[in-house]
Amino acid sequence: MDRVGRRPLITPAAFHRGGHEPFLDAAVARKRWTPRRADVAWYRSVVTTGPVLELGVGYGRVARALIGDGWSVVGVDRSAPLLEDARRRLPPDRFTGLLSDVASLDLGRTFPVVLAPFHVLNHAEDGAALQHMLRRVRAHLHSDGLFAFDLRFPTVWTGPPRRTVGTLTRRGVRIPWEESTVFDVRQQRELSALRIGGQPAVCLAHRYVMPAELEDQLDRAGLRVTGMWGGFAGEALGDGPSIVVTAT
């Protein structure tokens, strides 16, 4: 168990909480993930119509690029701080931000394009939860629409927690942050706990999904795979860090 001061960074209850806990810090999210470019370029390349429903829109990293291409985006996220950050930064005539998780989403309309970037579906805690999320996608997708998403490619590892540390500057003040990651082989879940300064740790869990299970889950939800790759440059499965999928 990794510790910051006297408080544990990862606790036994965190594996359950991690699947449901929203990310709370927009500044850290922008610092950690804005440098990602390959996925944004890929999503821009597959979107050829709109409006777009983006699941897990966060602070608008992908949505900003799509809006720049001329598309309107309805973005859904369960983190109020990230969603508010997106609303502040994106044009209100092209972006609508909705506070919701995928499991309870019911907009009463369908879209020609639904996206779930940056491992959104990895947050499903088990197969039943993943199936429910995919059925919510099907309910919001045109009959001939495009569903595009990416997952982390399954990588099983054991051993002590992996620890990463860094600093974040806010109004000229340097604030330390620390992240610790463990893997539970039985649950197929990787848990990351992030603490910024003296704040309580935020826990995020990813459940790994094998390609065969994923295809079966999509088929059961009424979705058909039209492409599956190992990365955003078209790598074969297993040759890249991701599972990148288009479906209809």
Foldseek 3Di string as FASTA:
>chain_A
DDDDPPDDLDDPCLLVVQLPFFDEDLQVCCVPPLVDDLVLVLVCVVDDDDDEEEAQCFLNSNVQVNVVVPHAYEYEDQHPNRQVNNVVVDDPVRYHYDHDHLLPDDPPEAIQEYEYEDASLQSQQDLVSSLSSLLSNVVRHDPNHKYKYKHFAQDDDADAWDKDKDWDADPNDTKIKMKTWHADPVSQKIKIWIDIHPDRIRIHIGHHDHPVSVQVSCVVSVKHWPDWDCDSVRHHNPPHGMIITMID
